[in-house]
All heavy atoms as atom14 arrays in JSON, in Angstrom:
{
  "sequence": "AAKSVAAKGARTGVETWGGLTLTAILVTAGGLGLYSYLGKPQMGDM",
  "atom14_mask": [
    [1, 1, 1, 1, 1, 0, 0, 0, 0, 0, 0, 0, 0, 0],
    [1, 1, 1, 1, 1, 0, 0, 0, 0, 0, 0, 0, 0, 0],
    [1, 1, 1, 1, 1, 1, 1, 1, 1, 0, 0, 0, 0, 0],
    [1, 1, 1, 1, 1, 1, 0, 0, 0, 0, 0, 0, 0, 0],
    [1, 1, 1, 1, 1, 1, 1, 0, 0, 0, 0, 0, 0, 0],
    [1, 1, 1, 1, 1, 0, 0, 0, 0, 0, 0, 0, 0, 0],
    [1, 1, 1, 1, 1, 0, 0, 0, 0, 0, 0, 0, 0, 0],
    [1, 1, 1, 1, 1, 1, 1, 1, 1, 0, 0, 0, 0, 0],
    [1, 1, 1, 1, 0, 0, 0, 0, 0, 0, 0, 0, 0, 0],
    [1, 1, 1, 1, 1, 0, 0, 0, 0, 0, 0, 0, 0, 0],
    [1, 1, 1, 1, 1, 1, 1, 1, 1, 1, 1, 0, 0, 0],
    [1, 1, 1, 1, 1, 1, 1, 0, 0, 0, 0, 0, 0, 0],
    [1, 1, 1, 1, 0, 0, 0, 0, 0, 0, 0, 0, 0, 0],
    [1, 1, 1, 1, 1, 1, 1, 0, 0, 0, 0, 0, 0, 0],
    [1, 1, 1, 1, 1, 1, 1, 1, 1, 0, 0, 0, 0, 0],
    [1, 1, 1, 1, 1, 1, 1, 0, 0, 0, 0, 0, 0, 0],
    [1, 1, 1, 1, 1, 1, 1, 1, 1, 1, 1, 1, 1, 1],
    [1, 1, 1, 1, 0, 0, 0, 0, 0, 0, 0, 0, 0, 0],
    [1, 1, 1, 1, 0, 0, 0, 0, 0, 0, 0, 0, 0, 0],
    [1, 1, 1, 1, 1, 1, 1, 1, 0, 0, 0, 0, 0, 0],
    [1, 1, 1, 1, 1, 1, 1, 0, 0, 0, 0, 0, 0, 0],
    [1, 1, 1, 1, 1, 1, 1, 1, 0, 0, 0, 0, 0, 0],
    [1, 1, 1, 1, 1, 1, 1, 0, 0, 0, 0, 0, 0, 0],
    [1, 1, 1, 1, 1, 0, 0, 0, 0, 0, 0, 0, 0, 0],
    [1, 1, 1, 1, 1, 1, 1, 1, 0, 0, 0, 0, 0, 0],
    [1, 1, 1, 1, 1, 1, 1, 1, 0, 0, 0, 0, 0, 0],
    [1, 1, 1, 1, 1, 1, 1, 0, 0, 0, 0, 0, 0, 0],
    [1, 1, 1, 1, 1, 1, 1, 0, 0, 0, 0, 0, 0, 0],
    [1, 1, 1, 1, 1, 0, 0, 0, 0, 0, 0, 0, 0, 0],
    [1, 1, 1, 1, 0, 0, 0, 0, 0, 0, 0, 0, 0, 0],
    [1, 1, 1, 1, 0, 0, 0, 0, 0, 0, 0, 0, 0, 0],
    [1, 1, 1, 1, 1, 1, 1, 1, 0, 0, 0, 0, 0, 0],
    [1, 1, 1, 1, 0, 0, 0, 0, 0, 0, 0, 0, 0, 0],
    [1, 1, 1, 1, 1, 1, 1, 1, 0, 0, 0, 0, 0, 0],
    [1, 1, 1, 1, 1, 1, 1, 1, 1, 1, 1, 1, 0, 0],
    [1, 1, 1, 1, 1, 1, 0, 0, 0, 0, 0, 0, 0, 0],
    [1, 1, 1, 1, 1, 1, 1, 1, 1, 1, 1, 1, 0, 0],
    [1, 1, 1, 1, 1, 1, 1, 1, 0, 0, 0, 0, 0, 0],
    [1, 1, 1, 1, 0, 0, 0, 0, 0, 0, 0, 0, 0, 0],
    [1, 1, 1, 1, 1, 1, 1, 1, 1, 0, 0, 0, 0, 0],
    [1, 1, 1, 1, 1, 1, 1, 0, 0, 0, 0, 0, 0, 0],
    [1, 1, 1, 1, 1, 1, 1, 1, 1, 0, 0, 0, 0, 0],
    [1, 1, 1, 1, 1, 1, 1, 1, 0, 0, 0, 0, 0, 0],
    [1, 1, 1, 1, 0, 0, 0, 0, 0, 0, 0, 0, 0, 0],
    [1, 1, 1, 1, 1, 1, 1, 1, 0, 0, 0, 0, 0, 0],
    [1, 1, 1, 1, 1, 1, 1, 1, 0, 0, 0, 0, 0, 0]
  ],
  "atom14_positions": [
    [[127.32, 153.75, 233.33], [126.1, 152.97, 233.55], [124.87, 153.69, 233.01], [123.98, 153.07, 232.42], [125.93, 152.71, 235.05], [0.0, 0.0, 0.0], [0.0, 0.0, 0.0], [0.0, 0.0, 0.0], [0.0, 0.0, 0.0], [0.0, 0.0, 0.0], [0.0, 0.0, 0.0], [0.0, 0.0, 0.0], [0.0, 0.0, 0.0], [0.0, 0.0, 0.0]],
    [[124.84, 155.03, 233.19], [123.69, 155.8, 232.68], [123.59, 155.72, 231.18], [122.5, 155.56, 230.61], [123.81, 157.25, 233.14], [0.0, 0.0, 0.0], [0.0, 0.0, 0.0], [0.0, 0.0, 0.0], [0.0, 0.0, 0.0], [0.0, 0.0, 0.0], [0.0, 0.0, 0.0], [0.0, 0.0, 0.0], [0.0, 0.0, 0.0], [0.0, 0.0, 0.0]],
    [[124.8, 155.83, 230.5], [124.78, 155.74, 229.04], [124.34, 154.35, 228.57], [123.62, 154.2, 227.59], [126.15, 156.07, 228.5], [126.54, 157.53, 228.69], [127.94, 157.79, 228.18], [128.32, 159.26, 228.36], [129.7, 159.54, 227.92], [0.0, 0.0, 0.0], [0.0, 0.0, 0.0], [0.0, 0.0, 0.0], [0.0, 0.0, 0.0], [0.0, 0.0, 0.0]],
    [[124.76, 153.3, 229.31], [124.38, 151.93, 228.94], [122.87, 151.7, 229.09], [122.23, 151.1, 228.24], [125.15, 150.93, 229.81], [124.74, 149.61, 229.54], [0.0, 0.0, 0.0], [0.0, 0.0, 0.0], [0.0, 0.0, 0.0], [0.0, 0.0, 0.0], [0.0, 0.0, 0.0], [0.0, 0.0, 0.0], [0.0, 0.0, 0.0], [0.0, 0.0, 0.0]],
    [[122.32, 152.21, 230.23], [120.88, 152.06, 230.44], [120.07, 152.79, 229.38], [119.07, 152.29, 228.87], [120.5, 152.57, 231.85], [118.98, 152.69, 232.0], [121.06, 151.65, 232.91], [0.0, 0.0, 0.0], [0.0, 0.0, 0.0], [0.0, 0.0, 0.0], [0.0, 0.0, 0.0], [0.0, 0.0, 0.0], [0.0, 0.0, 0.0], [0.0, 0.0, 0.0]],
    [[120.56, 154.01, 229.0], [119.85, 154.78, 227.99], [119.84, 154.07, 226.65], [118.82, 154.01, 225.95], [120.48, 156.16, 227.86], [0.0, 0.0, 0.0], [0.0, 0.0, 0.0], [0.0, 0.0, 0.0], [0.0, 0.0, 0.0], [0.0, 0.0, 0.0], [0.0, 0.0, 0.0], [0.0, 0.0, 0.0], [0.0, 0.0, 0.0], [0.0, 0.0, 0.0]],
    [[121.01, 153.51, 226.28], [121.11, 152.79, 225.0], [120.24, 151.54, 225.01], [119.53, 151.23, 224.04], [122.57, 152.42, 224.73], [0.0, 0.0, 0.0], [0.0, 0.0, 0.0], [0.0, 0.0, 0.0], [0.0, 0.0, 0.0], [0.0, 0.0, 0.0], [0.0, 0.0, 0.0], [0.0, 0.0, 0.0], [0.0, 0.0, 0.0], [0.0, 0.0, 0.0]],
    [[120.29, 150.82, 226.16], [119.48, 149.6, 226.27], [117.99, 149.94, 226.21], [117.2, 149.25, 225.58], [119.81, 148.9, 227.59], [118.98, 147.64, 227.83], [119.3, 147.04, 229.18], [118.41, 145.84, 229.46], [118.66, 145.25, 230.79], [0.0, 0.0, 0.0], [0.0, 0.0, 0.0], [0.0, 0.0, 0.0], [0.0, 0.0, 0.0], [0.0, 0.0, 0.0]],
    [[117.61, 151.03, 226.89], [116.21, 151.44, 226.89], [115.73, 151.79, 225.5], [114.6, 151.48, 225.13], [0.0, 0.0, 0.0], [0.0, 0.0, 0.0], [0.0, 0.0, 0.0], [0.0, 0.0, 0.0], [0.0, 0.0, 0.0], [0.0, 0.0, 0.0], [0.0, 0.0, 0.0], [0.0, 0.0, 0.0], [0.0, 0.0, 0.0], [0.0, 0.0, 0.0]],
    [[116.59, 152.45, 224.74], [116.2, 152.81, 223.38], [115.96, 151.57, 222.54], [114.97, 151.47, 221.79], [117.27, 153.69, 222.75], [0.0, 0.0, 0.0], [0.0, 0.0, 0.0], [0.0, 0.0, 0.0], [0.0, 0.0, 0.0], [0.0, 0.0, 0.0], [0.0, 0.0, 0.0], [0.0, 0.0, 0.0], [0.0, 0.0, 0.0], [0.0, 0.0, 0.0]],
    [[116.9, 150.6, 222.68], [116.74, 149.37, 221.9], [115.5, 148.59, 222.36], [114.71, 148.12, 221.54], [117.98, 148.48, 222.06], [119.22, 149.02, 221.38], [120.29, 147.94, 221.29], [120.62, 147.37, 222.61], [121.54, 147.88, 223.41], [122.22, 148.97, 223.05], [121.79, 147.32, 224.58], [0.0, 0.0, 0.0], [0.0, 0.0, 0.0], [0.0, 0.0, 0.0]],
    [[115.32, 148.49, 223.72], [114.18, 147.74, 224.24], [112.86, 148.42, 223.87], [111.87, 147.75, 223.59], [114.29, 147.61, 225.77], [115.54, 147.01, 226.08], [113.15, 146.77, 226.32], [0.0, 0.0, 0.0], [0.0, 0.0, 0.0], [0.0, 0.0, 0.0], [0.0, 0.0, 0.0], [0.0, 0.0, 0.0], [0.0, 0.0, 0.0], [0.0, 0.0, 0.0]],
    [[112.88, 149.76, 223.87], [111.65, 150.48, 223.52], [111.22, 150.16, 222.11], [110.04, 149.91, 221.83], [0.0, 0.0, 0.0], [0.0, 0.0, 0.0], [0.0, 0.0, 0.0], [0.0, 0.0, 0.0], [0.0, 0.0, 0.0], [0.0, 0.0, 0.0], [0.0, 0.0, 0.0], [0.0, 0.0, 0.0], [0.0, 0.0, 0.0], [0.0, 0.0, 0.0]],
    [[112.2, 150.16, 221.21], [111.88, 149.83, 219.81], [111.35, 148.41, 219.71], [110.35, 148.13, 219.04], [113.14, 150.02, 218.93], [112.86, 149.51, 217.52], [113.54, 151.49, 218.88], [0.0, 0.0, 0.0], [0.0, 0.0, 0.0], [0.0, 0.0, 0.0], [0.0, 0.0, 0.0], [0.0, 0.0, 0.0], [0.0, 0.0, 0.0], [0.0, 0.0, 0.0]],
    [[112.04, 147.49, 220.44], [111.63, 146.09, 220.4], [110.23, 145.93, 221.02], [109.39, 145.16, 220.53], [112.64, 145.22, 221.14], [114.01, 145.16, 220.45], [115.06, 144.48, 221.32], [114.69, 144.12, 222.46], [116.19, 144.33, 220.86], [0.0, 0.0, 0.0], [0.0, 0.0, 0.0], [0.0, 0.0, 0.0], [0.0, 0.0, 0.0], [0.0, 0.0, 0.0]],
    [[110.01, 146.65, 222.15], [108.72, 146.54, 222.83], [107.58, 147.01, 221.95], [106.57, 146.34, 221.78], [108.74, 147.35, 224.14], [109.75, 146.83, 225.0], [107.38, 147.27, 224.84], [0.0, 0.0, 0.0], [0.0, 0.0, 0.0], [0.0, 0.0, 0.0], [0.0, 0.0, 0.0], [0.0, 0.0, 0.0], [0.0, 0.0, 0.0], [0.0, 0.0, 0.0]],
    [[107.77, 148.21, 221.38], [106.71, 148.73, 220.5], [106.51, 147.84, 219.28], [105.37, 147.63, 218.83], [107.04, 150.16, 220.07], [106.73, 151.17, 221.13], [107.6, 151.95, 221.82], [105.44, 151.5, 221.61], [106.94, 152.74, 222.72], [105.61, 152.49, 222.62], [104.15, 151.06, 221.32], [104.54, 153.04, 223.31], [103.09, 151.6, 222.02], [103.29, 152.58, 223.0]],
    [[107.61, 147.32, 218.77], [107.48, 146.43, 217.61], [106.72, 145.17, 217.96], [105.82, 144.73, 217.22], [0.0, 0.0, 0.0], [0.0, 0.0, 0.0], [0.0, 0.0, 0.0], [0.0, 0.0, 0.0], [0.0, 0.0, 0.0], [0.0, 0.0, 0.0], [0.0, 0.0, 0.0], [0.0, 0.0, 0.0], [0.0, 0.0, 0.0], [0.0, 0.0, 0.0]],
    [[107.06, 144.57, 219.15], [106.36, 143.36, 219.58], [104.9, 143.62, 219.86], [104.03, 142.82, 219.49], [0.0, 0.0, 0.0], [0.0, 0.0, 0.0], [0.0, 0.0, 0.0], [0.0, 0.0, 0.0], [0.0, 0.0, 0.0], [0.0, 0.0, 0.0], [0.0, 0.0, 0.0], [0.0, 0.0, 0.0], [0.0, 0.0, 0.0], [0.0, 0.0, 0.0]],
    [[104.63, 144.76, 220.53], [103.24, 145.08, 220.82], [102.44, 145.35, 219.55], [101.27, 144.97, 219.44], [103.16, 146.28, 221.76], [103.61, 146.02, 223.21], [103.69, 147.31, 223.98], [102.64, 145.06, 223.89], [0.0, 0.0, 0.0], [0.0, 0.0, 0.0], [0.0, 0.0, 0.0], [0.0, 0.0, 0.0], [0.0, 0.0, 0.0], [0.0, 0.0, 0.0]],
    [[103.06, 146.02, 218.61], [102.39, 146.29, 217.34], [102.06, 144.99, 216.62], [100.93, 144.79, 216.11], [103.26, 147.17, 216.44], [103.54, 148.4, 217.12], [102.54, 147.47, 215.13], [0.0, 0.0, 0.0], [0.0, 0.0, 0.0], [0.0, 0.0, 0.0], [0.0, 0.0, 0.0], [0.0, 0.0, 0.0], [0.0, 0.0, 0.0], [0.0, 0.0, 0.0]],
    [[103.05, 144.07, 216.61], [102.83, 142.78, 215.97], [101.73, 142.0, 216.7], [100.86, 141.38, 216.07], [104.13, 141.97, 215.95], [104.05, 140.57, 215.31], [103.62, 140.68, 213.85], [105.39, 139.85, 215.42], [0.0, 0.0, 0.0], [0.0, 0.0, 0.0], [0.0, 0.0, 0.0], [0.0, 0.0, 0.0], [0.0, 0.0, 0.0], [0.0, 0.0, 0.0]],
    [[101.77, 142.04, 218.04], [100.76, 141.34, 218.82], [99.36, 141.9, 218.54], [98.39, 141.16, 218.38], [101.07, 141.45, 220.32], [102.34, 140.86, 220.58], [100.0, 140.75, 221.15], [0.0, 0.0, 0.0], [0.0, 0.0, 0.0], [0.0, 0.0, 0.0], [0.0, 0.0, 0.0], [0.0, 0.0, 0.0], [0.0, 0.0, 0.0], [0.0, 0.0, 0.0]],
    [[99.27, 143.24, 218.5], [97.98, 143.87, 218.23], [97.45, 143.47, 216.87], [96.25, 143.19, 216.7], [98.11, 145.39, 218.31], [0.0, 0.0, 0.0], [0.0, 0.0, 0.0], [0.0, 0.0, 0.0], [0.0, 0.0, 0.0], [0.0, 0.0, 0.0], [0.0, 0.0, 0.0], [0.0, 0.0, 0.0], [0.0, 0.0, 0.0], [0.0, 0.0, 0.0]],
    [[98.35, 143.41, 215.89], [97.92, 143.01, 214.53], [97.43, 141.57, 214.52], [96.38, 141.26, 213.95], [99.09, 143.2, 213.53], [99.4, 144.7, 213.37], [98.74, 142.58, 212.18], [100.65, 144.97, 212.55], [0.0, 0.0, 0.0], [0.0, 0.0, 0.0], [0.0, 0.0, 0.0], [0.0, 0.0, 0.0], [0.0, 0.0, 0.0], [0.0, 0.0, 0.0]],
    [[98.21, 140.69, 215.19], [97.84, 139.27, 215.2], [96.52, 139.05, 215.95], [95.66, 138.28, 215.5], [98.95, 138.44, 215.84], [100.25, 138.33, 215.03], [101.3, 137.56, 215.83], [100.0, 137.63, 213.7], [0.0, 0.0, 0.0], [0.0, 0.0, 0.0], [0.0, 0.0, 0.0], [0.0, 0.0, 0.0], [0.0, 0.0, 0.0], [0.0, 0.0, 0.0]],
    [[96.37, 139.72, 217.12], [95.14, 139.55, 217.9], [93.94, 140.07, 217.12], [92.88, 139.42, 217.05], [95.27, 140.26, 219.26], [93.91, 140.33, 219.96], [96.27, 139.54, 220.14], [0.0, 0.0, 0.0], [0.0, 0.0, 0.0], [0.0, 0.0, 0.0], [0.0, 0.0, 0.0], [0.0, 0.0, 0.0], [0.0, 0.0, 0.0], [0.0, 0.0, 0.0]],
    [[94.1, 141.25, 216.53], [92.99, 141.83, 215.77], [92.62, 140.97, 214.58], [91.44, 140.65, 214.35], [93.35, 143.25, 215.3], [93.68, 144.05, 216.44], [92.19, 143.88, 214.57], [0.0, 0.0, 0.0], [0.0, 0.0, 0.0], [0.0, 0.0, 0.0], [0.0, 0.0, 0.0], [0.0, 0.0, 0.0], [0.0, 0.0, 0.0], [0.0, 0.0, 0.0]],
    [[93.66, 140.58, 213.81], [93.39, 139.77, 212.61], [92.81, 138.42, 212.99], [91.86, 137.93, 212.37], [94.68, 139.59, 211.81], [0.0, 0.0, 0.0], [0.0, 0.0, 0.0], [0.0, 0.0, 0.0], [0.0, 0.0, 0.0], [0.0, 0.0, 0.0], [0.0, 0.0, 0.0], [0.0, 0.0, 0.0], [0.0, 0.0, 0.0], [0.0, 0.0, 0.0]],
    [[93.39, 137.79, 214.05], [92.88, 136.49, 214.48], [91.45, 136.56, 214.98], [90.62, 135.72, 214.65], [0.0, 0.0, 0.0], [0.0, 0.0, 0.0], [0.0, 0.0, 0.0], [0.0, 0.0, 0.0], [0.0, 0.0, 0.0], [0.0, 0.0, 0.0], [0.0, 0.0, 0.0], [0.0, 0.0, 0.0], [0.0, 0.0, 0.0], [0.0, 0.0, 0.0]],
    [[91.16, 137.59, 215.79], [89.81, 137.74, 216.32], [88.79, 138.0, 215.23], [87.71, 137.4, 215.2], [0.0, 0.0, 0.0], [0.0, 0.0, 0.0], [0.0, 0.0, 0.0], [0.0, 0.0, 0.0], [0.0, 0.0, 0.0], [0.0, 0.0, 0.0], [0.0, 0.0, 0.0], [0.0, 0.0, 0.0], [0.0, 0.0, 0.0], [0.0, 0.0, 0.0]],
    [[89.15, 138.88, 214.28], [88.23, 139.19, 213.18], [88.04, 137.97, 212.29], [86.94, 137.71, 211.8], [88.74, 140.38, 212.38], [88.81, 141.71, 213.15], [89.35, 142.82, 212.25], [87.44, 142.09, 213.69], [0.0, 0.0, 0.0], [0.0, 0.0, 0.0], [0.0, 0.0, 0.0], [0.0, 0.0, 0.0], [0.0, 0.0, 0.0], [0.0, 0.0, 0.0]],
    [[89.14, 137.24, 212.06], [89.03, 136.04, 211.23], [88.14, 134.99, 211.88], [87.3, 134.36, 211.22], [0.0, 0.0, 0.0], [0.0, 0.0, 0.0], [0.0, 0.0, 0.0], [0.0, 0.0, 0.0], [0.0, 0.0, 0.0], [0.0, 0.0, 0.0], [0.0, 0.0, 0.0], [0.0, 0.0, 0.0], [0.0, 0.0, 0.0], [0.0, 0.0, 0.0]],
    [[88.31, 134.79, 213.19], [87.5, 133.81, 213.91], [86.04, 134.22, 213.91], [85.14, 133.39, 213.73], [88.02, 133.67, 215.34], [87.39, 132.57, 216.19], [87.69, 131.2, 215.6], [87.92, 132.63, 217.63], [0.0, 0.0, 0.0], [0.0, 0.0, 0.0], [0.0, 0.0, 0.0], [0.0, 0.0, 0.0], [0.0, 0.0, 0.0], [0.0, 0.0, 0.0]],
    [[85.8, 135.52, 214.1], [84.42, 135.99, 214.09], [83.79, 135.81, 212.71], [82.62, 135.45, 212.58], [84.36, 137.46, 214.51], [82.97, 138.03, 214.43], [82.0, 137.69, 215.36], [82.61, 138.92, 213.41], [80.71, 138.2, 215.28], [81.33, 139.44, 213.32], [80.39, 139.08, 214.26], [79.12, 139.57, 214.18], [0.0, 0.0, 0.0], [0.0, 0.0, 0.0]],
    [[84.59, 136.06, 211.66], [84.07, 135.9, 210.3], [83.69, 134.46, 210.04], [82.73, 134.18, 209.3], [85.13, 136.34, 209.28], [85.44, 137.71, 209.45], [0.0, 0.0, 0.0], [0.0, 0.0, 0.0], [0.0, 0.0, 0.0], [0.0, 0.0, 0.0], [0.0, 0.0, 0.0], [0.0, 0.0, 0.0], [0.0, 0.0, 0.0], [0.0, 0.0, 0.0]],
    [[84.41, 133.52, 210.68], [84.16, 132.1, 210.44], [82.98, 131.6, 211.3], [82.09, 130.88, 210.82], [85.41, 131.29, 210.75], [85.23, 129.79, 210.59], [85.11, 129.22, 209.33], [85.19, 128.97, 211.71], [84.94, 127.85, 209.19], [85.02, 127.6, 211.58], [84.9, 127.04, 210.31], [84.73, 125.68, 210.18], [0.0, 0.0, 0.0], [0.0, 0.0, 0.0]],
    [[82.98, 131.99, 212.6], [81.97, 131.48, 213.51], [80.75, 132.39, 213.63], [79.65, 131.91, 213.92], [82.58, 131.29, 214.91], [83.71, 130.26, 215.02], [84.25, 130.24, 216.45], [83.21, 128.87, 214.63], [0.0, 0.0, 0.0], [0.0, 0.0, 0.0], [0.0, 0.0, 0.0], [0.0, 0.0, 0.0], [0.0, 0.0, 0.0], [0.0, 0.0, 0.0]],
    [[80.96, 133.68, 213.46], [79.86, 134.63, 213.65], [79.07, 134.89, 212.39], [79.15, 134.16, 211.41], [0.0, 0.0, 0.0], [0.0, 0.0, 0.0], [0.0, 0.0, 0.0], [0.0, 0.0, 0.0], [0.0, 0.0, 0.0], [0.0, 0.0, 0.0], [0.0, 0.0, 0.0], [0.0, 0.0, 0.0], [0.0, 0.0, 0.0], [0.0, 0.0, 0.0]],
    [[78.31, 135.96, 212.43], [77.49, 136.36, 211.29], [77.74, 137.84, 211.01], [76.94, 138.7, 211.39], [76.01, 136.1, 211.57], [75.68, 134.62, 211.74], [74.2, 134.4, 211.95], [73.86, 132.93, 212.06], [72.41, 132.71, 212.28], [0.0, 0.0, 0.0], [0.0, 0.0, 0.0], [0.0, 0.0, 0.0], [0.0, 0.0, 0.0], [0.0, 0.0, 0.0]],
    [[78.86, 138.14, 210.32], [79.21, 139.56, 210.09], [78.15, 140.31, 209.3], [78.01, 141.52, 209.43], [80.53, 139.47, 209.3], [81.04, 138.09, 209.57], [79.85, 137.23, 209.77], [0.0, 0.0, 0.0], [0.0, 0.0, 0.0], [0.0, 0.0, 0.0], [0.0, 0.0, 0.0], [0.0, 0.0, 0.0], [0.0, 0.0, 0.0], [0.0, 0.0, 0.0]],
    [[77.41, 139.57, 208.45], [76.44, 140.25, 207.61], [75.16, 140.61, 208.36], [74.33, 141.36, 207.85], [76.08, 139.36, 206.4], [75.25, 138.13, 206.74], [76.08, 136.98, 207.27], [77.26, 137.13, 207.5], [75.45, 135.84, 207.46], [0.0, 0.0, 0.0], [0.0, 0.0, 0.0], [0.0, 0.0, 0.0], [0.0, 0.0, 0.0], [0.0, 0.0, 0.0]],
    [[74.99, 140.08, 209.56], [73.77, 140.36, 210.31], [73.84, 141.75, 210.94], [74.85, 142.11, 211.55], [73.55, 139.29, 211.38], [72.27, 139.49, 212.2], [71.96, 138.13, 213.35], [71.48, 136.85, 212.18], [0.0, 0.0, 0.0], [0.0, 0.0, 0.0], [0.0, 0.0, 0.0], [0.0, 0.0, 0.0], [0.0, 0.0, 0.0], [0.0, 0.0, 0.0]],
    [[72.78, 142.49, 210.81], [72.75, 143.83, 211.37], [72.55, 143.83, 212.87], [72.35, 142.79, 213.49], [0.0, 0.0, 0.0], [0.0, 0.0, 0.0], [0.0, 0.0, 0.0], [0.0, 0.0, 0.0], [0.0, 0.0, 0.0], [0.0, 0.0, 0.0], [0.0, 0.0, 0.0], [0.0, 0.0, 0.0], [0.0, 0.0, 0.0], [0.0, 0.0, 0.0]],
    [[72.6, 145.01, 213.47], [72.39, 145.14, 214.91], [70.97, 144.72, 215.27], [70.03, 144.9, 214.49], [72.62, 146.59, 215.35], [74.08, 147.0, 215.2], [74.92, 146.09, 215.16], [74.35, 148.21, 215.14], [0.0, 0.0, 0.0], [0.0, 0.0, 0.0], [0.0, 0.0, 0.0], [0.0, 0.0, 0.0], [0.0, 0.0, 0.0], [0.0, 0.0, 0.0]],
    [[70.81, 144.16, 216.46], [69.49, 143.74, 216.94], [69.23, 144.32, 218.32], [69.35, 143.63, 219.34], [69.39, 142.21, 216.98], [69.23, 141.57, 215.62], [67.61, 141.92, 214.89], [66.57, 140.94, 215.93], [0.0, 0.0, 0.0], [0.0, 0.0, 0.0], [0.0, 0.0, 0.0], [0.0, 0.0, 0.0], [0.0, 0.0, 0.0], [0.0, 0.0, 0.0]]
  ]
}
């Protein structure tokens, strides 16, 4: 059982990090894209 849990954890860890990395990329890209469309990126700080 210990060996099975370790193997499963290794696979899940890879999947988890991969999913989180993909999510972070999508959220960042989506947020920046939406801001570029709706916001004013060229405007300086006020």
